[in-house]
Amino acid sequence: DRDGANVSFDDGATLRVTGPWTPGDQLADMVVDGAPLILKVGKVSGGFRIRTRGADMVVHVRTPRQAELAQLMPVKVAPDTSKLLLCPMPGLVVKMHVEEGEEVQDGQALCTIEAMKMENILRAERKGTVSKVNASEGDSLAVDEVILEFE
């Protein structure tokens, strides 16, 4: 409405928010259920990024029908890359320091990648055993290409 908005949450709570903020303003000097609140607001796809008092939130602005349909969307789960060594940048494999079946220790050099005329040594983050070597010396790799697999 012209004076403000009623904000509803998933748990059923509703708050009354009033203030002179309009989309595009970077600061919002608002009143939430009678208490003053200043928010830093930025635009993101489908809503806003709001920061205040150490909190950083992405708020989606949807019609009731859009919110209903959004709940039906499957959640995309990120793949588990904890047992892989991925190439952090496009580059050339200069040296492989380990072989298949070799046990590695935390901090041990695994391979050396040359990128932008600099050599970067990739090291083990924890103890483990190399189960498969997917790259060899002289290979040109892309970002996130699998170099090694661990058991």
N, C-alpha and C. Protein backbone atom coordinates (compact mmCIF):
# COMPACT_ATOMS: atom_id res chain seq x y z
N ASP A 1 0.84 -1.18 0.00
CA ASP A 1 0.00 0.00 0.00
C ASP A 1 0.88 1.24 0.00
N ARG A 2 0.27 2.42 -0.03
CA ARG A 2 1.03 3.67 -0.14
C ARG A 2 1.87 3.98 1.10
N ASP A 3 1.49 3.46 2.24
CA ASP A 3 2.21 3.78 3.48
C ASP A 3 3.34 2.80 3.78
N GLY A 4 3.31 1.62 3.21
CA GLY A 4 4.35 0.63 3.51
C GLY A 4 3.93 -0.74 3.00
N ALA A 5 4.41 -1.77 3.69
CA ALA A 5 4.11 -3.14 3.26
C ALA A 5 4.06 -4.07 4.45
N ASN A 6 3.26 -5.12 4.32
CA ASN A 6 3.24 -6.21 5.27
C ASN A 6 4.14 -7.30 4.69
N VAL A 7 5.18 -7.67 5.44
CA VAL A 7 6.15 -8.65 4.97
C VAL A 7 5.84 -9.97 5.66
N SER A 8 5.63 -11.02 4.86
CA SER A 8 5.30 -12.35 5.39
C SER A 8 6.51 -13.26 5.28
N PHE A 9 6.68 -14.12 6.28
CA PHE A 9 7.79 -15.07 6.31
C PHE A 9 7.24 -16.49 6.24
N ASP A 10 8.13 -17.44 5.91
CA ASP A 10 7.73 -18.84 5.77
C ASP A 10 7.12 -19.41 7.05
N ASP A 11 7.57 -18.91 8.22
CA ASP A 11 7.05 -19.45 9.48
C ASP A 11 5.71 -18.85 9.88
N GLY A 12 5.14 -17.98 9.03
CA GLY A 12 3.83 -17.39 9.30
C GLY A 12 3.88 -16.02 9.94
N ALA A 13 5.07 -15.57 10.38
CA ALA A 13 5.19 -14.25 11.00
C ALA A 13 5.00 -13.16 9.95
N THR A 14 4.43 -12.04 10.38
CA THR A 14 4.21 -10.90 9.51
C THR A 14 4.69 -9.64 10.23
N LEU A 15 5.42 -8.78 9.50
CA LEU A 15 5.90 -7.52 10.05
C LEU A 15 5.39 -6.37 9.20
N ARG A 16 5.13 -5.23 9.83
CA ARG A 16 4.72 -4.02 9.11
C ARG A 16 5.96 -3.17 8.89
N VAL A 17 6.26 -2.86 7.63
CA VAL A 17 7.44 -2.08 7.26
C VAL A 17 6.98 -0.80 6.58
N THR A 18 7.47 0.35 7.09
CA THR A 18 7.13 1.64 6.50
C THR A 18 8.41 2.46 6.31
N GLY A 19 8.37 3.39 5.38
CA GLY A 19 9.51 4.26 5.14
C GLY A 19 9.46 4.82 3.73
N PRO A 20 10.29 5.83 3.45
CA PRO A 20 10.25 6.50 2.15
C PRO A 20 11.09 5.83 1.07
N TRP A 21 11.59 4.61 1.27
CA TRP A 21 12.48 3.96 0.30
C TRP A 21 11.74 3.63 -0.99
N THR A 22 12.44 3.80 -2.11
CA THR A 22 11.94 3.37 -3.42
C THR A 22 13.02 2.54 -4.08
N PRO A 23 12.66 1.56 -4.91
CA PRO A 23 13.67 0.74 -5.59
C PRO A 23 14.65 1.61 -6.35
N GLY A 24 15.93 1.33 -6.17
CA GLY A 24 16.99 2.13 -6.77
C GLY A 24 17.78 2.89 -5.71
N ASP A 25 17.14 3.21 -4.57
CA ASP A 25 17.85 3.87 -3.47
C ASP A 25 18.79 2.86 -2.81
N GLN A 26 20.02 3.29 -2.49
CA GLN A 26 20.98 2.37 -1.89
C GLN A 26 20.83 2.24 -0.39
N LEU A 27 20.25 3.24 0.26
CA LEU A 27 20.00 3.17 1.69
C LEU A 27 18.50 3.27 1.95
N ALA A 28 18.03 2.46 2.87
CA ALA A 28 16.62 2.48 3.23
C ALA A 28 16.52 2.80 4.72
N ASP A 29 15.93 3.95 5.05
CA ASP A 29 15.70 4.35 6.43
C ASP A 29 14.26 3.95 6.75
N MET A 30 14.08 2.78 7.36
CA MET A 30 12.76 2.18 7.52
C MET A 30 12.35 2.11 8.99
N VAL A 31 11.06 1.82 9.19
CA VAL A 31 10.52 1.53 10.51
C VAL A 31 9.85 0.16 10.41
N VAL A 32 10.31 -0.79 11.26
CA VAL A 32 9.78 -2.15 11.24
C VAL A 32 9.06 -2.40 12.56
N ASP A 33 7.75 -2.55 12.50
CA ASP A 33 6.91 -2.71 13.69
C ASP A 33 7.26 -1.68 14.77
N GLY A 34 7.45 -0.43 14.35
CA GLY A 34 7.70 0.67 15.28
C GLY A 34 9.16 0.90 15.61
N ALA A 35 10.07 0.02 15.24
CA ALA A 35 11.50 0.17 15.55
C ALA A 35 12.26 0.66 14.31
N PRO A 36 13.14 1.68 14.47
CA PRO A 36 13.89 2.18 13.31
C PRO A 36 14.93 1.17 12.84
N LEU A 37 15.15 1.14 11.52
CA LEU A 37 16.12 0.21 10.93
C LEU A 37 16.67 0.81 9.65
N ILE A 38 18.00 0.84 9.50
CA ILE A 38 18.63 1.33 8.29
C ILE A 38 19.23 0.14 7.55
N LEU A 39 18.92 0.03 6.27
CA LEU A 39 19.36 -1.09 5.45
C LEU A 39 20.16 -0.59 4.26
N LYS A 40 21.19 -1.35 3.87
CA LYS A 40 21.89 -1.08 2.61
C LYS A 40 21.30 -2.03 1.59
N VAL A 41 20.84 -1.52 0.47
CA VAL A 41 20.08 -2.31 -0.50
C VAL A 41 20.78 -2.29 -1.86
N GLY A 42 20.92 -3.47 -2.46
CA GLY A 42 21.46 -3.60 -3.81
C GLY A 42 20.54 -4.49 -4.63
N LYS A 43 20.54 -4.30 -5.94
CA LYS A 43 19.65 -5.07 -6.83
C LYS A 43 20.33 -6.38 -7.24
N VAL A 44 19.59 -7.48 -7.18
CA VAL A 44 20.02 -8.77 -7.70
C VAL A 44 18.88 -9.32 -8.54
N SER A 45 19.15 -10.36 -9.29
CA SER A 45 18.13 -10.95 -10.15
C SER A 45 16.93 -11.43 -9.33
N GLY A 46 15.77 -10.90 -9.61
CA GLY A 46 14.54 -11.33 -8.94
C GLY A 46 14.32 -10.75 -7.56
N GLY A 47 15.14 -9.79 -7.15
CA GLY A 47 14.94 -9.24 -5.82
C GLY A 47 16.04 -8.27 -5.41
N PHE A 48 16.42 -8.34 -4.13
CA PHE A 48 17.37 -7.39 -3.57
C PHE A 48 18.34 -8.09 -2.63
N ARG A 49 19.55 -7.51 -2.52
CA ARG A 49 20.51 -7.93 -1.50
C ARG A 49 20.46 -6.87 -0.42
N ILE A 50 20.15 -7.31 0.79
CA ILE A 50 19.98 -6.38 1.91
C ILE A 50 21.03 -6.70 2.97
N ARG A 51 21.72 -5.63 3.42
CA ARG A 51 22.74 -5.79 4.45
C ARG A 51 22.44 -4.83 5.59
N THR A 52 22.50 -5.37 6.82
CA THR A 52 22.30 -4.56 8.01
C THR A 52 22.86 -5.28 9.22
N ARG A 53 23.54 -4.56 10.09
CA ARG A 53 24.02 -5.07 11.37
C ARG A 53 24.76 -6.41 11.24
N GLY A 54 25.58 -6.56 10.19
CA GLY A 54 26.34 -7.78 9.99
C GLY A 54 25.61 -8.88 9.24
N ALA A 55 24.32 -8.71 9.01
CA ALA A 55 23.54 -9.70 8.26
C ALA A 55 23.59 -9.36 6.78
N ASP A 56 23.66 -10.39 5.94
CA ASP A 56 23.70 -10.22 4.49
C ASP A 56 22.67 -11.19 3.91
N MET A 57 21.60 -10.66 3.33
CA MET A 57 20.50 -11.50 2.86
C MET A 57 20.14 -11.20 1.42
N VAL A 58 19.70 -12.22 0.70
CA VAL A 58 19.12 -12.02 -0.62
C VAL A 58 17.62 -12.23 -0.45
N VAL A 59 16.84 -11.23 -0.85
CA VAL A 59 15.39 -11.25 -0.69
C VAL A 59 14.76 -11.31 -2.08
N HIS A 60 13.94 -12.32 -2.31
CA HIS A 60 13.25 -12.45 -3.59
C HIS A 60 11.87 -11.81 -3.47
N VAL A 61 11.53 -10.98 -4.42
CA VAL A 61 10.23 -10.32 -4.44
C VAL A 61 9.37 -11.06 -5.45
N ARG A 62 8.30 -11.69 -4.95
CA ARG A 62 7.47 -12.53 -5.81
C ARG A 62 5.99 -12.29 -5.51
N THR A 63 5.19 -12.51 -6.54
CA THR A 63 3.75 -12.53 -6.32
C THR A 63 3.42 -13.83 -5.60
N PRO A 64 2.25 -13.94 -5.00
CA PRO A 64 1.90 -15.20 -4.34
C PRO A 64 2.00 -16.41 -5.29
N ARG A 65 1.61 -16.25 -6.54
CA ARG A 65 1.69 -17.37 -7.50
C ARG A 65 3.15 -17.72 -7.81
N GLN A 66 4.00 -16.71 -7.97
CA GLN A 66 5.42 -16.96 -8.21
C GLN A 66 6.05 -17.68 -7.02
N ALA A 67 5.69 -17.29 -5.81
CA ALA A 67 6.21 -17.94 -4.61
C ALA A 67 5.76 -19.40 -4.54
N GLU A 68 4.51 -19.65 -4.92
CA GLU A 68 3.98 -21.02 -4.94
C GLU A 68 4.76 -21.88 -5.93
N LEU A 69 5.01 -21.35 -7.12
CA LEU A 69 5.75 -22.09 -8.14
C LEU A 69 7.23 -22.25 -7.76
N ALA A 70 7.82 -21.26 -7.09
CA ALA A 70 9.22 -21.34 -6.68
C ALA A 70 9.44 -22.49 -5.71
N GLN A 71 8.44 -22.80 -4.89
CA GLN A 71 8.59 -23.91 -3.95
C GLN A 71 8.59 -25.27 -4.64
N LEU A 72 8.11 -25.32 -5.87
CA LEU A 72 8.10 -26.57 -6.62
C LEU A 72 9.40 -26.81 -7.38
N MET A 73 10.24 -25.78 -7.48
CA MET A 73 11.50 -25.91 -8.20
C MET A 73 12.46 -26.80 -7.43
N PRO A 74 13.13 -27.74 -8.12
CA PRO A 74 14.11 -28.60 -7.42
C PRO A 74 15.33 -27.79 -6.99
N VAL A 75 15.91 -28.16 -5.87
CA VAL A 75 17.10 -27.51 -5.37
C VAL A 75 18.31 -28.16 -6.03
N LYS A 76 19.16 -27.35 -6.65
CA LYS A 76 20.34 -27.88 -7.31
C LYS A 76 21.43 -28.09 -6.27
N VAL A 77 21.86 -29.34 -6.13
CA VAL A 77 22.89 -29.69 -5.17
C VAL A 77 24.25 -29.64 -5.87
N ALA A 78 25.18 -28.95 -5.26
CA ALA A 78 26.52 -28.84 -5.84
C ALA A 78 27.21 -30.20 -5.79
N PRO A 79 27.97 -30.55 -6.83
CA PRO A 79 28.65 -31.84 -6.83
C PRO A 79 29.73 -31.90 -5.75
N ASP A 80 29.99 -33.10 -5.24
CA ASP A 80 31.01 -33.30 -4.21
C ASP A 80 32.38 -33.37 -4.89
N THR A 81 33.19 -32.36 -4.68
CA THR A 81 34.52 -32.34 -5.28
C THR A 81 35.60 -32.53 -4.22
N SER A 82 35.23 -33.03 -3.05
CA SER A 82 36.18 -33.16 -1.95
C SER A 82 37.26 -34.20 -2.23
N LYS A 83 37.03 -35.12 -3.14
CA LYS A 83 38.02 -36.15 -3.45
C LYS A 83 38.67 -35.91 -4.81
N LEU A 84 38.64 -34.66 -5.28
CA LEU A 84 39.23 -34.31 -6.57
C LEU A 84 40.19 -33.15 -6.41
N LEU A 85 41.23 -33.14 -7.23
CA LEU A 85 42.08 -31.97 -7.35
C LEU A 85 41.71 -31.33 -8.67
N LEU A 86 41.12 -30.12 -8.61
CA LEU A 86 40.68 -29.40 -9.80
C LEU A 86 41.70 -28.32 -10.15
N CYS A 87 41.86 -28.09 -11.43
CA CYS A 87 42.76 -27.04 -11.89
C CYS A 87 42.13 -25.68 -11.56
N PRO A 88 42.82 -24.84 -10.77
CA PRO A 88 42.23 -23.57 -10.35
C PRO A 88 42.24 -22.48 -11.41
N MET A 89 43.00 -22.70 -12.49
CA MET A 89 43.12 -21.68 -13.54
C MET A 89 43.53 -22.38 -14.84
N PRO A 90 43.30 -21.77 -15.98
CA PRO A 90 43.79 -22.39 -17.21
C PRO A 90 45.31 -22.38 -17.19
N GLY A 91 45.90 -23.51 -17.55
CA GLY A 91 47.35 -23.57 -17.52
C GLY A 91 47.91 -24.86 -18.07
N LEU A 92 49.22 -25.00 -17.98
CA LEU A 92 49.95 -26.13 -18.51
C LEU A 92 50.52 -26.92 -17.35
N VAL A 93 50.38 -28.25 -17.40
CA VAL A 93 50.95 -29.11 -16.35
C VAL A 93 52.45 -29.19 -16.62
N VAL A 94 53.23 -28.64 -15.70
CA VAL A 94 54.69 -28.65 -15.84
C VAL A 94 55.27 -29.92 -15.24
N LYS A 95 54.77 -30.32 -14.06
CA LYS A 95 55.31 -31.51 -13.38
C LYS A 95 54.24 -32.15 -12.52
N MET A 96 54.16 -33.48 -12.61
CA MET A 96 53.31 -34.26 -11.71
C MET A 96 54.22 -34.80 -10.63
N HIS A 97 53.92 -34.52 -9.38
CA HIS A 97 54.77 -34.94 -8.26
C HIS A 97 54.32 -36.26 -7.65
N VAL A 98 53.16 -36.77 -8.05
CA VAL A 98 52.62 -38.01 -7.46
C VAL A 98 52.18 -38.97 -8.56
N GLU A 99 51.98 -40.25 -8.18
CA GLU A 99 51.52 -41.29 -9.10
C GLU A 99 50.30 -41.98 -8.51
N GLU A 100 49.61 -42.76 -9.33
CA GLU A 100 48.46 -43.54 -8.85
C GLU A 100 48.91 -44.49 -7.74
N GLY A 101 48.07 -44.60 -6.71
CA GLY A 101 48.35 -45.50 -5.60
C GLY A 101 49.23 -44.90 -4.52
N GLU A 102 49.81 -43.74 -4.77
CA GLU A 102 50.71 -43.11 -3.81
C GLU A 102 49.92 -42.46 -2.68
N GLU A 103 50.42 -42.62 -1.46
CA GLU A 103 49.80 -41.97 -0.31
C GLU A 103 50.42 -40.59 -0.15
N VAL A 104 49.59 -39.57 0.02
CA VAL A 104 50.08 -38.20 0.16
C VAL A 104 49.75 -37.68 1.55
N GLN A 105 50.57 -36.74 1.99
CA GLN A 105 50.40 -36.12 3.31
C GLN A 105 49.90 -34.69 3.14
N ASP A 106 49.36 -34.15 4.20
CA ASP A 106 48.87 -32.77 4.21
C ASP A 106 50.01 -31.82 3.83
N GLY A 107 49.80 -30.98 2.81
CA GLY A 107 50.80 -30.01 2.39
C GLY A 107 51.78 -30.50 1.34
N GLN A 108 51.70 -31.78 0.99
CA GLN A 108 52.63 -32.34 -0.01
C GLN A 108 52.30 -31.80 -1.40
N ALA A 109 53.36 -31.53 -2.19
CA ALA A 109 53.17 -31.05 -3.57
C ALA A 109 52.56 -32.16 -4.41
N LEU A 110 51.51 -31.83 -5.16
CA LEU A 110 50.83 -32.81 -6.02
C LEU A 110 51.21 -32.60 -7.48
N CYS A 111 51.15 -31.35 -7.93
CA CYS A 111 51.55 -31.04 -9.31
C CYS A 111 51.86 -29.55 -9.41
N THR A 112 52.55 -29.20 -10.50
CA THR A 112 52.89 -27.81 -10.76
C THR A 112 52.21 -27.38 -12.05
N ILE A 113 51.47 -26.26 -11.98
CA ILE A 113 50.75 -25.71 -13.12
C ILE A 113 51.39 -24.38 -13.49
N GLU A 114 51.67 -24.18 -14.78
CA GLU A 114 52.18 -22.90 -15.24
C GLU A 114 51.03 -22.11 -15.86
N ALA A 115 50.81 -20.92 -15.33
CA ALA A 115 49.76 -20.04 -15.85
C ALA A 115 50.30 -18.62 -15.84
N MET A 116 50.14 -17.92 -16.94
CA MET A 116 50.60 -16.54 -17.08
C MET A 116 52.08 -16.40 -16.70
N LYS A 117 52.90 -17.34 -17.17
CA LYS A 117 54.36 -17.36 -16.97
C LYS A 117 54.75 -17.49 -15.50
N MET A 118 53.83 -17.99 -14.66
CA MET A 118 54.13 -18.24 -13.25
C MET A 118 53.84 -19.70 -12.95
N GLU A 119 54.69 -20.33 -12.15
CA GLU A 119 54.45 -21.71 -11.74
C GLU A 119 53.72 -21.72 -10.41
N ASN A 120 52.65 -22.50 -10.35
CA ASN A 120 51.83 -22.64 -9.15
C ASN A 120 51.88 -24.09 -8.70
N ILE A 121 52.34 -24.31 -7.48
CA ILE A 121 52.42 -25.67 -6.94
C ILE A 121 51.10 -25.94 -6.21
N LEU A 122 50.39 -26.99 -6.65
CA LEU A 122 49.15 -27.39 -5.99
C LEU A 122 49.49 -28.44 -4.95
N ARG A 123 49.03 -28.22 -3.73
CA ARG A 123 49.38 -29.09 -2.59
C ARG A 123 48.17 -29.79 -2.03
N ALA A 124 48.42 -30.92 -1.37
CA ALA A 124 47.35 -31.70 -0.74
C ALA A 124 46.80 -30.93 0.46
N GLU A 125 45.46 -30.93 0.58
CA GLU A 125 44.83 -30.27 1.73
C GLU A 125 44.77 -31.18 2.94
N ARG A 126 44.87 -32.50 2.69
CA ARG A 126 44.82 -33.47 3.78
C ARG A 126 45.46 -34.77 3.31
N LYS A 127 45.63 -35.67 4.25
CA LYS A 127 46.22 -36.98 3.96
C LYS A 127 45.25 -37.80 3.10
N GLY A 128 45.79 -38.57 2.16
CA GLY A 128 44.94 -39.39 1.31
C GLY A 128 45.77 -40.24 0.37
N THR A 129 45.07 -41.00 -0.49
CA THR A 129 45.72 -41.86 -1.47
C THR A 129 45.23 -41.49 -2.85
N VAL A 130 46.16 -41.35 -3.80
CA VAL A 130 45.81 -41.01 -5.18
C VAL A 130 45.23 -42.25 -5.84
N SER A 131 43.98 -42.16 -6.32
CA SER A 131 43.35 -43.30 -6.98
C SER A 131 43.46 -43.22 -8.50
N LYS A 132 43.55 -42.01 -9.05
CA LYS A 132 43.63 -41.87 -10.49
C LYS A 132 44.30 -40.55 -10.85
N VAL A 133 45.17 -40.60 -11.84
CA VAL A 133 45.81 -39.39 -12.38
C VAL A 133 45.20 -39.13 -13.74
N ASN A 134 44.53 -38.00 -13.89
CA ASN A 134 43.81 -37.66 -15.14
C ASN A 134 44.60 -36.77 -16.08
N ALA A 135 45.72 -36.23 -15.62
CA ALA A 135 46.52 -35.33 -16.45
C ALA A 135 47.97 -35.77 -16.40
N SER A 136 48.70 -35.39 -17.42
CA SER A 136 50.13 -35.71 -17.44
C SER A 136 50.91 -34.46 -17.81
N GLU A 137 52.21 -34.52 -17.62
CA GLU A 137 53.07 -33.37 -17.90
C GLU A 137 52.92 -32.97 -19.37
N GLY A 138 52.77 -31.67 -19.60
CA GLY A 138 52.60 -31.14 -20.95
C GLY A 138 51.15 -30.90 -21.34
N ASP A 139 50.20 -31.42 -20.53
CA ASP A 139 48.78 -31.22 -20.84
C ASP A 139 48.37 -29.77 -20.56
N SER A 140 47.53 -29.25 -21.42
CA SER A 140 46.95 -27.93 -21.23
C SER A 140 45.56 -28.12 -20.61
N LEU A 141 45.33 -27.51 -19.47
CA LEU A 141 44.08 -27.72 -18.72
C LEU A 141 43.24 -26.45 -18.66
N ALA A 142 41.93 -26.68 -18.57
CA ALA A 142 40.97 -25.58 -18.39
C ALA A 142 40.65 -25.44 -16.90
N VAL A 143 39.98 -24.38 -16.54
CA VAL A 143 39.54 -24.17 -15.16
C VAL A 143 38.62 -25.32 -14.76
N ASP A 144 38.79 -25.83 -13.55
CA ASP A 144 37.98 -26.89 -12.94
C ASP A 144 38.12 -28.24 -13.63
N GLU A 145 39.12 -28.42 -14.47
CA GLU A 145 39.38 -29.73 -15.06
C GLU A 145 40.01 -30.60 -13.98
N VAL A 146 39.62 -31.89 -13.92
CA VAL A 146 40.11 -32.79 -12.88
C VAL A 146 41.53 -33.22 -13.19
N ILE A 147 42.43 -33.00 -12.23
CA ILE A 147 43.83 -33.39 -12.38
C ILE A 147 44.05 -34.74 -11.71
N LEU A 148 43.60 -34.86 -10.45
CA LEU A 148 43.77 -36.09 -9.67
C LEU A 148 42.48 -36.46 -8.98
N GLU A 149 42.33 -37.78 -8.71
CA GLU A 149 41.21 -38.27 -7.91
C GLU A 149 41.80 -39.00 -6.71
N PHE A 150 41.13 -38.88 -5.57
CA PHE A 150 41.59 -39.52 -4.34
C PHE A 150 40.56 -40.55 -3.87
N GLU A 151 41.04 -41.53 -3.10
CA GLU A 151 40.15 -42.57 -2.55
C GLU A 151 39.37 -42.01 -1.38
